[in-house]
Amino acid sequence: ESFNNVKQWLQEIDRHASENVNKLLVGNKCDLTTKKVVDYTTAKEFAENVGIPFLETSAKSATNVDQAFMTMAADIKKRMGPGATAGSSEKSNVKIQNKPVNTSSGGCCDGFI
């Protein structure tokens, strides 16, 4: 049933997510081969037709779980470009002003600010 909804979910992502958002089609529970509803070839061809990568995973046997995260991380890093890494020379700063907070304003939350 989930596989039948993927096309609709992708349309929702395109409609509501930021432009060029990274996507990955993941078929889970690949360890349950006798209960498989969607075969690998069908899912892979679907993913290729919509232009997204595909992986089969199993949390139980730890098959491709790390690979799914690494695939997404690598794709995001590639999309963000070389300037988006943690070691970039540009640093972001947050300025905090040192102003006293009046905590004796009365009322029900007096002193809890």
PDB file of N, CA and C in Angstrom:
ATOM      1  N   GLU A   1       0.817  -1.197   0.000  1.00  0.00           N
ATOM      2  CA  GLU A   1       0.000   0.000   0.000  1.00  0.00           C
ATOM      3  C   GLU A   1       0.863   1.265   0.000  1.00  0.00           C
ATOM      4  N   SER A   2       1.946   1.286   0.769  1.00  0.00           N
ATOM      5  CA  SER A   2       2.817   2.461   0.823  1.00  0.00           C
ATOM      6  C   SER A   2       3.376   2.798  -0.551  1.00  0.00           C
ATOM      7  N   PHE A   3       3.798   1.770  -1.280  1.00  0.00           N
ATOM      8  CA  PHE A   3       4.394   2.009  -2.594  1.00  0.00           C
ATOM      9  C   PHE A   3       3.406   2.703  -3.527  1.00  0.00           C
ATOM     10  N   ASN A   4       2.129   2.373  -3.412  1.00  0.00           N
ATOM     11  CA  ASN A   4       1.113   3.004  -4.253  1.00  0.00           C
ATOM     12  C   ASN A   4       0.944   4.487  -3.940  1.00  0.00           C
ATOM     13  N   ASN A   5       1.359   4.918  -2.761  1.00  0.00           N
ATOM     14  CA  ASN A   5       1.225   6.322  -2.357  1.00  0.00           C
ATOM     15  C   ASN A   5       2.457   7.166  -2.666  1.00  0.00           C
ATOM     16  N   VAL A   6       3.543   6.554  -3.091  1.00  0.00           N
ATOM     17  CA  VAL A   6       4.805   7.279  -3.274  1.00  0.00           C
ATOM     18  C   VAL A   6       4.653   8.428  -4.261  1.00  0.00           C
ATOM     19  N   LYS A   7       3.981   8.195  -5.373  1.00  0.00           N
ATOM     20  CA  LYS A   7       3.823   9.249  -6.380  1.00  0.00           C
ATOM     21  C   LYS A   7       3.119  10.472  -5.781  1.00  0.00           C
ATOM     22  N   GLN A   8       2.070  10.233  -5.004  1.00  0.00           N
ATOM     23  CA  GLN A   8       1.348  11.332  -4.356  1.00  0.00           C
ATOM     24  C   GLN A   8       2.245  12.042  -3.341  1.00  0.00           C
ATOM     25  N   TRP A   9       3.008  11.272  -2.574  1.00  0.00           N
ATOM     26  CA  TRP A   9       3.907  11.879  -1.587  1.00  0.00           C
ATOM     27  C   TRP A   9       4.958  12.747  -2.271  1.00  0.00           C
ATOM     28  N   LEU A  10       5.469  12.295  -3.394  1.00  0.00           N
ATOM     29  CA  LEU A  10       6.459  13.087  -4.133  1.00  0.00           C
ATOM     30  C   LEU A  10       5.843  14.391  -4.634  1.00  0.00           C
ATOM     31  N   GLN A  11       4.587  14.338  -5.067  1.00  0.00           N
ATOM     32  CA  GLN A  11       3.897  15.559  -5.491  1.00  0.00           C
ATOM     33  C   GLN A  11       3.729  16.518  -4.318  1.00  0.00           C
ATOM     34  N   GLU A  12       3.426  15.979  -3.149  1.00  0.00           N
ATOM     35  CA  GLU A  12       3.300  16.810  -1.948  1.00  0.00           C
ATOM     36  C   GLU A  12       4.640  17.454  -1.589  1.00  0.00           C
ATOM     37  N   ILE A  13       5.698  16.685  -1.710  1.00  0.00           N
ATOM     38  CA  ILE A  13       7.035  17.226  -1.442  1.00  0.00           C
ATOM     39  C   ILE A  13       7.335  18.358  -2.406  1.00  0.00           C
ATOM     40  N   ASP A  14       7.081  18.142  -3.690  1.00  0.00           N
ATOM     41  CA  ASP A  14       7.337  19.181  -4.687  1.00  0.00           C
ATOM     42  C   ASP A  14       6.490  20.422  -4.434  1.00  0.00           C
ATOM     43  N   ARG A  15       5.291  20.235  -3.946  1.00  0.00           N
ATOM     44  CA  ARG A  15       4.386  21.354  -3.708  1.00  0.00           C
ATOM     45  C   ARG A  15       4.762  22.147  -2.455  1.00  0.00           C
ATOM     46  N   HIS A  16       5.255  21.464  -1.419  1.00  0.00           N
ATOM     47  CA  HIS A  16       5.436  22.134  -0.127  1.00  0.00           C
ATOM     48  C   HIS A  16       6.880  22.312   0.331  1.00  0.00           C
ATOM     49  N   ALA A  17       7.803  21.542  -0.210  1.00  0.00           N
ATOM     50  CA  ALA A  17       9.197  21.622   0.254  1.00  0.00           C
ATOM     51  C   ALA A  17       9.951  22.698  -0.520  1.00  0.00           C
ATOM     52  N   SER A  18      11.127  23.034  -0.025  1.00  0.00           N
ATOM     53  CA  SER A  18      11.953  24.004  -0.729  1.00  0.00           C
ATOM     54  C   SER A  18      12.410  23.426  -2.067  1.00  0.00           C
ATOM     55  N   GLU A  19      12.789  24.312  -2.955  1.00  0.00           N
ATOM     56  CA  GLU A  19      13.203  23.907  -4.293  1.00  0.00           C
ATOM     57  C   GLU A  19      14.438  23.007  -4.229  1.00  0.00           C
ATOM     58  N   ASN A  20      14.493  22.021  -5.067  1.00  0.00           N
ATOM     59  CA  ASN A  20      15.618  21.081  -5.175  1.00  0.00           C
ATOM     60  C   ASN A  20      15.875  20.289  -3.896  1.00  0.00           C
ATOM     61  N   VAL A  21      14.840  20.007  -3.135  1.00  0.00           N
ATOM     62  CA  VAL A  21      15.006  19.217  -1.914  1.00  0.00           C
ATOM     63  C   VAL A  21      15.488  17.809  -2.289  1.00  0.00           C
ATOM     64  N   ASN A  22      16.337  17.251  -1.459  1.00  0.00           N
ATOM     65  CA  ASN A  22      16.862  15.910  -1.721  1.00  0.00           C
ATOM     66  C   ASN A  22      15.818  14.857  -1.367  1.00  0.00           C
ATOM     67  N   LYS A  23      15.748  13.829  -2.210  1.00  0.00           N
ATOM     68  CA  LYS A  23      14.790  12.743  -2.002  1.00  0.00           C
ATOM     69  C   LYS A  23      15.505  11.414  -2.168  1.00  0.00           C
ATOM     70  N   LEU A  24      15.011  10.417  -1.460  1.00  0.00           N
ATOM     71  CA  LEU A  24      15.541   9.060  -1.539  1.00  0.00           C
ATOM     72  C   LEU A  24      14.383   8.102  -1.306  1.00  0.00           C
ATOM     73  N   LEU A  25      14.165   7.193  -2.242  1.00  0.00           N
ATOM     74  CA  LEU A  25      13.134   6.177  -2.073  1.00  0.00           C
ATOM     75  C   LEU A  25      13.757   4.996  -1.342  1.00  0.00           C
ATOM     76  N   VAL A  26      13.163   4.639  -0.205  1.00  0.00           N
ATOM     77  CA  VAL A  26      13.705   3.559   0.618  1.00  0.00           C
ATOM     78  C   VAL A  26      12.658   2.459   0.752  1.00  0.00           C
ATOM     79  N   GLY A  27      13.035   1.268   0.320  1.00  0.00           N
ATOM     80  CA  GLY A  27      12.201   0.093   0.544  1.00  0.00           C
ATOM     81  C   GLY A  27      12.692  -0.579   1.810  1.00  0.00           C
ATOM     82  N   ASN A  28      11.838  -0.664   2.828  1.00  0.00           N
ATOM     83  CA  ASN A  28      12.303  -1.222   4.102  1.00  0.00           C
ATOM     84  C   ASN A  28      11.901  -2.685   4.261  1.00  0.00           C
ATOM     85  N   LYS A  29      12.419  -3.290   5.301  1.00  0.00           N
ATOM     86  CA  LYS A  29      12.172  -4.697   5.644  1.00  0.00           C
ATOM     87  C   LYS A  29      12.579  -5.643   4.512  1.00  0.00           C
ATOM     88  N   CYS A  30      13.704  -5.351   3.871  1.00  0.00           N
ATOM     89  CA  CYS A  30      14.155  -6.214   2.774  1.00  0.00           C
ATOM     90  C   CYS A  30      14.576  -7.596   3.264  1.00  0.00           C
ATOM     91  N   ASP A  31      14.698  -7.772   4.580  1.00  0.00           N
ATOM     92  CA  ASP A  31      15.016  -9.093   5.131  1.00  0.00           C
ATOM     93  C   ASP A  31      13.824 -10.051   5.048  1.00  0.00           C
ATOM     94  N   LEU A  32      12.631  -9.521   4.880  1.00  0.00           N
ATOM     95  CA  LEU A  32      11.423 -10.353   4.794  1.00  0.00           C
ATOM     96  C   LEU A  32      11.134 -10.703   3.333  1.00  0.00           C
ATOM     97  N   THR A  33      12.029 -11.449   2.724  1.00  0.00           N
ATOM     98  CA  THR A  33      11.944 -11.730   1.283  1.00  0.00           C
ATOM     99  C   THR A  33      10.678 -12.494   0.897  1.00  0.00           C
ATOM    100  N   THR A  34      10.194 -13.361   1.747  1.00  0.00           N
ATOM    101  CA  THR A  34       8.993 -14.131   1.397  1.00  0.00           C
ATOM    102  C   THR A  34       7.718 -13.298   1.481  1.00  0.00           C
ATOM    103  N   LYS A  35       7.773 -12.176   2.202  1.00  0.00           N
ATOM    104  CA  LYS A  35       6.599 -11.314   2.343  1.00  0.00           C
ATOM    105  C   LYS A  35       6.693 -10.064   1.467  1.00  0.00           C
ATOM    106  N   LYS A  36       7.672 -10.011   0.597  1.00  0.00           N
ATOM    107  CA  LYS A  36       7.903  -8.835  -0.234  1.00  0.00           C
ATOM    108  C   LYS A  36       6.730  -8.619  -1.191  1.00  0.00           C
ATOM    109  N   VAL A  37       6.198  -7.403  -1.210  1.00  0.00           N
ATOM    110  CA  VAL A  37       5.071  -7.057  -2.068  1.00  0.00           C
ATOM    111  C   VAL A  37       5.556  -6.401  -3.357  1.00  0.00           C
ATOM    112  N   VAL A  38       6.572  -5.542  -3.245  1.00  0.00           N
ATOM    113  CA  VAL A  38       7.121  -4.837  -4.408  1.00  0.00           C
ATOM    114  C   VAL A  38       8.533  -5.351  -4.642  1.00  0.00           C
ATOM    115  N   ASP A  39       8.774  -5.885  -5.835  1.00  0.00           N
ATOM    116  CA  ASP A  39      10.112  -6.414  -6.096  1.00  0.00           C
ATOM    117  C   ASP A  39      11.096  -5.276  -6.378  1.00  0.00           C
ATOM    118  N   TYR A  40      12.366  -5.586  -6.204  1.00  0.00           N
ATOM    119  CA  TYR A  40      13.442  -4.606  -6.336  1.00  0.00           C
ATOM    120  C   TYR A  40      13.400  -3.908  -7.691  1.00  0.00           C
ATOM    121  N   THR A  41      13.244  -4.655  -8.768  1.00  0.00           N
ATOM    122  CA  THR A  41      13.274  -4.083 -10.120  1.00  0.00           C
ATOM    123  C   THR A  41      12.165  -3.060 -10.320  1.00  0.00           C
ATOM    124  N   THR A  42      10.972  -3.357  -9.855  1.00  0.00           N
ATOM    125  CA  THR A  42       9.843  -2.432  -9.986  1.00  0.00           C
ATOM    126  C   THR A  42      10.126  -1.125  -9.250  1.00  0.00           C
ATOM    127  N   ALA A  43      10.596  -1.226  -8.020  1.00  0.00           N
ATOM    128  CA  ALA A  43      10.888  -0.033  -7.224  1.00  0.00           C
ATOM    129  C   ALA A  43      12.039   0.761  -7.827  1.00  0.00           C
ATOM    130  N   LYS A  44      13.078   0.068  -8.273  1.00  0.00           N
ATOM    131  CA  LYS A  44      14.244   0.726  -8.868  1.00  0.00           C
ATOM    132  C   LYS A  44      13.844   1.468 -10.138  1.00  0.00           C
ATOM    133  N   GLU A  45      13.053   0.835 -10.998  1.00  0.00           N
ATOM    134  CA  GLU A  45      12.602   1.483 -12.233  1.00  0.00           C
ATOM    135  C   GLU A  45      11.735   2.701 -11.928  1.00  0.00           C
ATOM    136  N   PHE A  46      10.866   2.590 -10.937  1.00  0.00           N
ATOM    137  CA  PHE A  46      10.042   3.727 -10.539  1.00  0.00           C
ATOM    138  C   PHE A  46      10.922   4.890 -10.096  1.00  0.00           C
ATOM    139  N   ALA A  47      11.892   4.601  -9.244  1.00  0.00           N
ATOM    140  CA  ALA A  47      12.795   5.640  -8.742  1.00  0.00           C
ATOM    141  C   ALA A  47      13.561   6.295  -9.891  1.00  0.00           C
ATOM    142  N   GLU A  48      14.038   5.501 -10.823  1.00  0.00           N
ATOM    143  CA  GLU A  48      14.753   6.054 -11.976  1.00  0.00           C
ATOM    144  C   GLU A  48      13.839   6.944 -12.810  1.00  0.00           C
ATOM    145  N   ASN A  49      12.583   6.539 -12.989  1.00  0.00           N
ATOM    146  CA  ASN A  49      11.630   7.326 -13.778  1.00  0.00           C
ATOM    147  C   ASN A  49      11.324   8.681 -13.151  1.00  0.00           C
ATOM    148  N   VAL A  50      11.331   8.756 -11.832  1.00  0.00           N
ATOM    149  CA  VAL A  50      11.060  10.032 -11.163  1.00  0.00           C
ATOM    150  C   VAL A  50      12.346  10.762 -10.779  1.00  0.00           C
ATOM    151  N   GLY A  51      13.487  10.155 -11.095  1.00  0.00           N
ATOM    152  CA  GLY A  51      14.775  10.825 -10.904  1.00  0.00           C
ATOM    153  C   GLY A  51      15.293  10.872  -9.484  1.00  0.00           C
ATOM    154  N   ILE A  52      15.023   9.834  -8.704  1.00  0.00           N
ATOM    155  CA  ILE A  52      15.554   9.794  -7.344  1.00  0.00           C
ATOM    156  C   ILE A  52      16.264   8.466  -7.108  1.00  0.00           C
ATOM    157  N   PRO A  53      17.236   8.442  -6.193  1.00  0.00           N
ATOM    158  CA  PRO A  53      17.919   7.185  -5.880  1.00  0.00           C
ATOM    159  C   PRO A  53      17.008   6.234  -5.099  1.00  0.00           C
ATOM    160  N   PHE A  54      17.352   4.951  -5.129  1.00  0.00           N
ATOM    161  CA  PHE A  54      16.577   3.925  -4.432  1.00  0.00           C
ATOM    162  C   PHE A  54      17.503   2.986  -3.682  1.00  0.00           C
ATOM    163  N   LEU A  55      17.105   2.643  -2.466  1.00  0.00           N
ATOM    164  CA  LEU A  55      17.815   1.656  -1.645  1.00  0.00           C
ATOM    165  C   LEU A  55      16.801   0.768  -0.943  1.00  0.00           C
ATOM    166  N   GLU A  56      17.163  -0.493  -0.775  1.00  0.00           N
ATOM    167  CA  GLU A  56      16.391  -1.375   0.090  1.00  0.00           C
ATOM    168  C   GLU A  56      17.134  -1.473   1.416  1.00  0.00           C
ATOM    169  N   THR A  57      16.385  -1.421   2.512  1.00  0.00           N
ATOM    170  CA  THR A  57      17.000  -1.461   3.836  1.00  0.00           C
ATOM    171  C   THR A  57      16.313  -2.486   4.732  1.00  0.00           C
ATOM    172  N   SER A  58      17.008  -2.819   5.799  1.00  0.00           N
ATOM    173  CA  SER A  58      16.427  -3.635   6.863  1.00  0.00           C
ATOM    174  C   SER A  58      17.034  -3.180   8.180  1.00  0.00           C
ATOM    175  N   ALA A  59      16.202  -2.672   9.056  1.00  0.00           N
ATOM    176  CA  ALA A  59      16.688  -2.294  10.381  1.00  0.00           C
ATOM    177  C   ALA A  59      17.057  -3.541  11.180  1.00  0.00           C
ATOM    178  N   LYS A  60      16.325  -4.619  10.959  1.00  0.00           N
ATOM    179  CA  LYS A  60      16.566  -5.855  11.703  1.00  0.00           C
ATOM    180  C   LYS A  60      17.954  -6.421  11.418  1.00  0.00           C
ATOM    181  N   SER A  61      18.338  -6.458  10.139  1.00  0.00           N
ATOM    182  CA  SER A  61      19.650  -7.012   9.783  1.00  0.00           C
ATOM    183  C   SER A  61      20.694  -5.920   9.531  1.00  0.00           C
ATOM    184  N   ALA A  62      20.303  -4.666   9.735  1.00  0.00           N
ATOM    185  CA  ALA A  62      21.184  -3.502   9.528  1.00  0.00           C
ATOM    186  C   ALA A  62      21.665  -3.378   8.082  1.00  0.00           C
ATOM    187  N   THR A  63      20.885  -3.874   7.148  1.00  0.00           N
ATOM    188  CA  THR A  63      21.237  -3.792   5.733  1.00  0.00           C
ATOM    189  C   THR A  63      20.938  -2.395   5.198  1.00  0.00           C
ATOM    190  N   ASN A  64      21.963  -1.730   4.708  1.00  0.00           N
ATOM    191  CA  ASN A  64      21.865  -0.433   4.027  1.00  0.00           C
ATOM    192  C   ASN A  64      21.294   0.712   4.866  1.00  0.00           C
ATOM    193  N   VAL A  65      21.142   0.541   6.161  1.00  0.00           N
ATOM    194  CA  VAL A  65      20.625   1.629   6.989  1.00  0.00           C
ATOM    195  C   VAL A  65      21.622   2.784   6.998  1.00  0.00           C
ATOM    196  N   ASP A  66      22.892   2.476   7.282  1.00  0.00           N
ATOM    197  CA  ASP A  66      23.925   3.516   7.234  1.00  0.00           C
ATOM    198  C   ASP A  66      24.042   4.088   5.830  1.00  0.00           C
ATOM    199  N   GLN A  67      23.927   3.231   4.825  1.00  0.00           N
ATOM    200  CA  GLN A  67      24.049   3.679   3.439  1.00  0.00           C
ATOM    201  C   GLN A  67      22.953   4.683   3.081  1.00  0.00           C
ATOM    202  N   ALA A  68      21.751   4.490   3.593  1.00  0.00           N
ATOM    203  CA  ALA A  68      20.658   5.427   3.329  1.00  0.00           C
ATOM    204  C   ALA A  68      20.997   6.812   3.884  1.00  0.00           C
ATOM    205  N   PHE A  69      21.485   6.851   5.121  1.00  0.00           N
ATOM    206  CA  PHE A  69      21.867   8.135   5.719  1.00  0.00           C
ATOM    207  C   PHE A  69      23.051   8.756   4.984  1.00  0.00           C
ATOM    208  N   MET A  70      24.032   7.947   4.643  1.00  0.00           N
ATOM    209  CA  MET A  70      25.214   8.463   3.946  1.00  0.00           C
ATOM    210  C   MET A  70      24.857   8.975   2.551  1.00  0.00           C
ATOM    211  N   THR A  71      23.953   8.294   1.873  1.00  0.00           N
ATOM    212  CA  THR A  71      23.510   8.741   0.551  1.00  0.00           C
ATOM    213  C   THR A  71      22.850  10.107   0.646  1.00  0.00           C
ATOM    214  N   MET A  72      21.945  10.268   1.605  1.00  0.00           N
ATOM    215  CA  MET A  72      21.280  11.565   1.774  1.00  0.00           C
ATOM    216  C   MET A  72      22.273  12.647   2.171  1.00  0.00           C
ATOM    217  N   ALA A  73      23.157  12.343   3.097  1.00  0.00           N
ATOM    218  CA  ALA A  73      24.141  13.335   3.545  1.00  0.00           C
ATOM    219  C   ALA A  73      25.040  13.766   2.398  1.00  0.00           C
ATOM    220  N   ALA A  74      25.499  12.813   1.590  1.00  0.00           N
ATOM    221  CA  ALA A  74      26.369  13.144   0.457  1.00  0.00           C
ATOM    222  C   ALA A  74      25.623  13.976  -0.574  1.00  0.00           C
ATOM    223  N   ASP A  75      24.366  13.634  -0.840  1.00  0.00           N
ATOM    224  CA  ASP A  75      23.576  14.400  -1.808  1.00  0.00           C
ATOM    225  C   ASP A  75      23.312  15.817  -1.313  1.00  0.00           C
ATOM    226  N   ILE A  76      23.028  15.966  -0.031  1.00  0.00           N
ATOM    227  CA  ILE A  76      22.800  17.298   0.538  1.00  0.00           C
ATOM    228  C   ILE A  76      24.077  18.118   0.484  1.00  0.00           C
ATOM    229  N   LYS A  77      25.188  17.512   0.847  1.00  0.00           N
ATOM    230  CA  LYS A  77      26.474  18.216   0.809  1.00  0.00           C
ATOM    231  C   LYS A  77      26.795  18.665  -0.615  1.00  0.00           C
ATOM    232  N   LYS A  78      26.545  17.797  -1.581  1.00  0.00           N
ATOM    233  CA  LYS A  78      26.800  18.137  -2.981  1.00  0.00           C
ATOM    234  C   LYS A  78      25.909  19.303  -3.422  1.00  0.00           C
ATOM    235  N   ARG A  79      24.643  19.270  -3.026  1.00  0.00           N
ATOM    236  CA  ARG A  79      23.704  20.332  -3.399  1.00  0.00           C
ATOM    237  C   ARG A  79      24.068  21.654  -2.741  1.00  0.00           C
ATOM    238  N   MET A  80      24.521  21.611  -1.502  1.00  0.00           N
ATOM    239  CA  MET A  80      24.842  22.831  -0.769  1.00  0.00           C
ATOM    240  C   MET A  80      26.125  23.477  -1.262  1.00  0.00           C
ATOM    241  N   GLY A  81      27.002  22.706  -1.858  1.00  0.00           N
ATOM    242  CA  GLY A  81      28.237  23.258  -2.398  1.00  0.00           C
ATOM    243  C   GLY A  81      29.359  23.271  -1.388  1.00  0.00           C
ATOM    244  N   PRO A  82      30.567  23.582  -1.865  1.00  0.00           N
ATOM    245  CA  PRO A  82      31.748  23.512  -0.999  1.00  0.00           C
ATOM    246  C   PRO A  82      31.751  24.542   0.125  1.00  0.00           C
ATOM    247  N   GLY A  83      31.075  25.659  -0.021  1.00  0.00           N
ATOM    248  CA  GLY A  83      31.078  26.697   1.004  1.00  0.00           C
ATOM    249  C   GLY A  83      30.204  26.382   2.194  1.00  0.00           C
ATOM    250  N   ALA A  84      29.458  25.283   2.142  1.00  0.00           N
ATOM    251  CA  ALA A  84      28.516  24.969   3.212  1.00  0.00           C
ATOM    252  C   ALA A  84      29.074  24.004   4.249  1.00  0.00           C
ATOM    253  N   THR A  85      30.332  23.641   4.152  1.00  0.00           N
ATOM    254  CA  THR A  85      30.899  22.690   5.103  1.00  0.00           C
ATOM    255  C   THR A  85      31.198  23.365   6.430  1.00  0.00           C
ATOM    256  N   ALA A  86      31.340  22.584   7.462  1.00  0.00           N
ATOM    257  CA  ALA A  86      31.586  23.109   8.808  1.00  0.00           C
ATOM    258  C   ALA A  86      32.915  23.834   8.895  1.00  0.00           C
ATOM    259  N   GLY A  87      33.876  23.489   8.062  1.00  0.00           N
ATOM    260  CA  GLY A  87      35.186  24.107   8.105  1.00  0.00           C
ATOM    261  C   GLY A  87      35.304  25.342   7.233  1.00  0.00           C
ATOM    262  N   SER A  88      34.201  25.899   6.819  1.00  0.00           N
ATOM    263  CA  SER A  88      34.226  27.056   5.934  1.00  0.00           C
ATOM    264  C   SER A  88      34.846  28.251   6.644  1.00  0.00           C
ATOM    265  N   SER A  89      35.471  29.145   5.873  1.00  0.00           N
ATOM    266  CA  SER A  89      36.181  30.280   6.459  1.00  0.00           C
ATOM    267  C   SER A  89      35.230  31.356   6.970  1.00  0.00           C
ATOM    268  N   GLU A  90      34.007  31.417   6.432  1.00  0.00           N
ATOM    269  CA  GLU A  90      33.046  32.394   6.917  1.00  0.00           C
ATOM    270  C   GLU A  90      32.406  31.868   8.193  1.00  0.00           C
ATOM    271  N   LYS A  91      32.352  32.725   9.207  1.00  0.00           N
ATOM    272  CA  LYS A  91      31.773  32.302  10.476  1.00  0.00           C
ATOM    273  C   LYS A  91      30.494  33.086  10.723  1.00  0.00           C
ATOM    274  N   SER A  92      29.518  32.412  11.263  1.00  0.00           N
ATOM    275  CA  SER A  92      28.276  33.070  11.637  1.00  0.00           C
ATOM    276  C   SER A  92      28.379  33.476  13.095  1.00  0.00           C
ATOM    277  N   ASN A  93      27.916  34.676  13.394  1.00  0.00           N
ATOM    278  CA  ASN A  93      27.952  35.168  14.764  1.00  0.00           C
ATOM    279  C   ASN A  93      26.553  35.548  15.208  1.00  0.00           C
ATOM    280  N   VAL A  94      26.280  35.345  16.462  1.00  0.00           N
ATOM    281  CA  VAL A  94      25.038  35.778  17.066  1.00  0.00           C
ATOM    282  C   VAL A  94      25.404  36.791  18.130  1.00  0.00           C
ATOM    283  N   LYS A  95      24.834  37.997  18.027  1.00  0.00           N
ATOM    284  CA  LYS A  95      25.121  39.039  19.006  1.00  0.00           C
ATOM    285  C   LYS A  95      24.059  38.998  20.096  1.00  0.00           C
ATOM    286  N   ILE A  96      24.524  38.967  21.322  1.00  0.00           N
ATOM    287  CA  ILE A  96      23.628  38.942  22.473  1.00  0.00           C
ATOM    288  C   ILE A  96      23.832  40.229  23.246  1.00  0.00           C
ATOM    289  N   GLN A  97      22.737  40.953  23.467  1.00  0.00           N
ATOM    290  CA  GLN A  97      22.826  42.202  24.214  1.00  0.00           C
ATOM    291  C   GLN A  97      22.651  41.916  25.697  1.00  0.00           C
ATOM    292  N   ASN A  98      23.467  42.588  26.488  1.00  0.00           N
ATOM    293  CA  ASN A  98      23.421  42.392  27.930  1.00  0.00           C
ATOM    294  C   ASN A  98      22.462  43.406  28.533  1.00  0.00           C
ATOM    295  N   LYS A  99      21.172  43.075  28.545  1.00  0.00           N
ATOM    296  CA  LYS A  99      20.163  43.950  29.131  1.00  0.00           C
ATOM    297  C   LYS A  99      19.510  43.228  30.301  1.00  0.00           C
ATOM    298  N   PRO A 100      19.316  43.926  31.411  1.00  0.00           N
ATOM    299  CA  PRO A 100      18.640  43.285  32.538  1.00  0.00           C
ATOM    300  C   PRO A 100      17.169  43.018  32.204  1.00  0.00           C
ATOM    301  N   VAL A 101      16.639  41.935  32.750  1.00  0.00           N
ATOM    302  CA  VAL A 101      15.241  41.581  32.546  1.00  0.00           C
ATOM    303  C   VAL A 101      14.481  41.946  33.801  1.00  0.00           C
ATOM    304  N   ASN A 102      13.418  42.708  33.636  1.00  0.00           N
ATOM    305  CA  ASN A 102      12.594  43.107  34.771  1.00  0.00           C
ATOM    306  C   ASN A 102      11.721  41.926  35.173  1.00  0.00           C
ATOM    307  N   THR A 103      12.006  41.350  36.331  1.00  0.00           N
ATOM    308  CA  THR A 103      11.254  40.172  36.774  1.00  0.00           C
ATOM    309  C   THR A 103      10.215  40.493  37.834  1.00  0.00           C
ATOM    310  N   SER A 104      10.032  41.764  38.148  1.00  0.00           N
ATOM    311  CA  SER A 104       9.055  42.103  39.189  1.00  0.00           C
ATOM    312  C   SER A 104       7.898  42.892  38.590  1.00  0.00           C
ATOM    313  N   SER A 105       7.370  42.405  37.494  1.00  0.00           N
ATOM    314  CA  SER A 105       6.299  43.109  36.802  1.00  0.00           C
ATOM    315  C   SER A 105       4.932  42.835  37.409  1.00  0.00           C
ATOM    316  N   GLY A 106       4.854  41.946  38.362  1.00  0.00           N
ATOM    317  CA  GLY A 106       3.572  41.577  38.937  1.00  0.00           C
ATOM    318  C   GLY A 106       2.874  40.569  38.043  1.00  0.00           C
ATOM    319  N   GLY A 107       1.744  40.094  38.454  1.00  0.00           N
ATOM    320  CA  GLY A 107       1.006  39.140  37.641  1.00  0.00           C
ATOM    321  C   GLY A 107       1.323  37.708  38.034  1.00  0.00           C
ATOM    322  N   CYS A 108       0.744  36.780  37.306  1.00  0.00           N
ATOM    323  CA  CYS A 108       0.831  35.371  37.690  1.00  0.00           C
ATOM    324  C   CYS A 108       2.209  34.757  37.476  1.00  0.00           C
ATOM    325  N   CYS A 109       3.017  35.320  36.611  1.00  0.00           N
ATOM    326  CA  CYS A 109       4.328  34.725  36.318  1.00  0.00           C
ATOM    327  C   CYS A 109       5.457  35.535  36.927  1.00  0.00           C
ATOM    328  N   ASP A 110       5.186  36.301  37.962  1.00  0.00           N
ATOM    329  CA  ASP A 110       6.176  37.171  38.580  1.00  0.00           C
ATOM    330  C   ASP A 110       7.394  36.374  39.028  1.00  0.00           C
ATOM    331  N   GLY A 111       8.548  36.772  38.513  1.00  0.00           N
ATOM    332  CA  GLY A 111       9.793  36.160  38.914  1.00  0.00           C
ATOM    333  C   GLY A 111      10.194  34.933  38.111  1.00  0.00           C
ATOM    334  N   PHE A 112       9.401  34.514  37.164  1.00  0.00           N
ATOM    335  CA  PHE A 112       9.713  33.321  36.384  1.00  0.00           C
ATOM    336  C   PHE A 112      10.188  33.636  34.977  1.00  0.00           C
ATOM    337  N   ILE A 113      10.652  34.826  34.734  1.00  0.00           N
ATOM    338  CA  ILE A 113      11.150  35.188  33.404  1.00  0.00           C
ATOM    339  C   ILE A 113      12.629  34.937  33.348  1.00  0.00           C
TER     340      ILE A 113
END
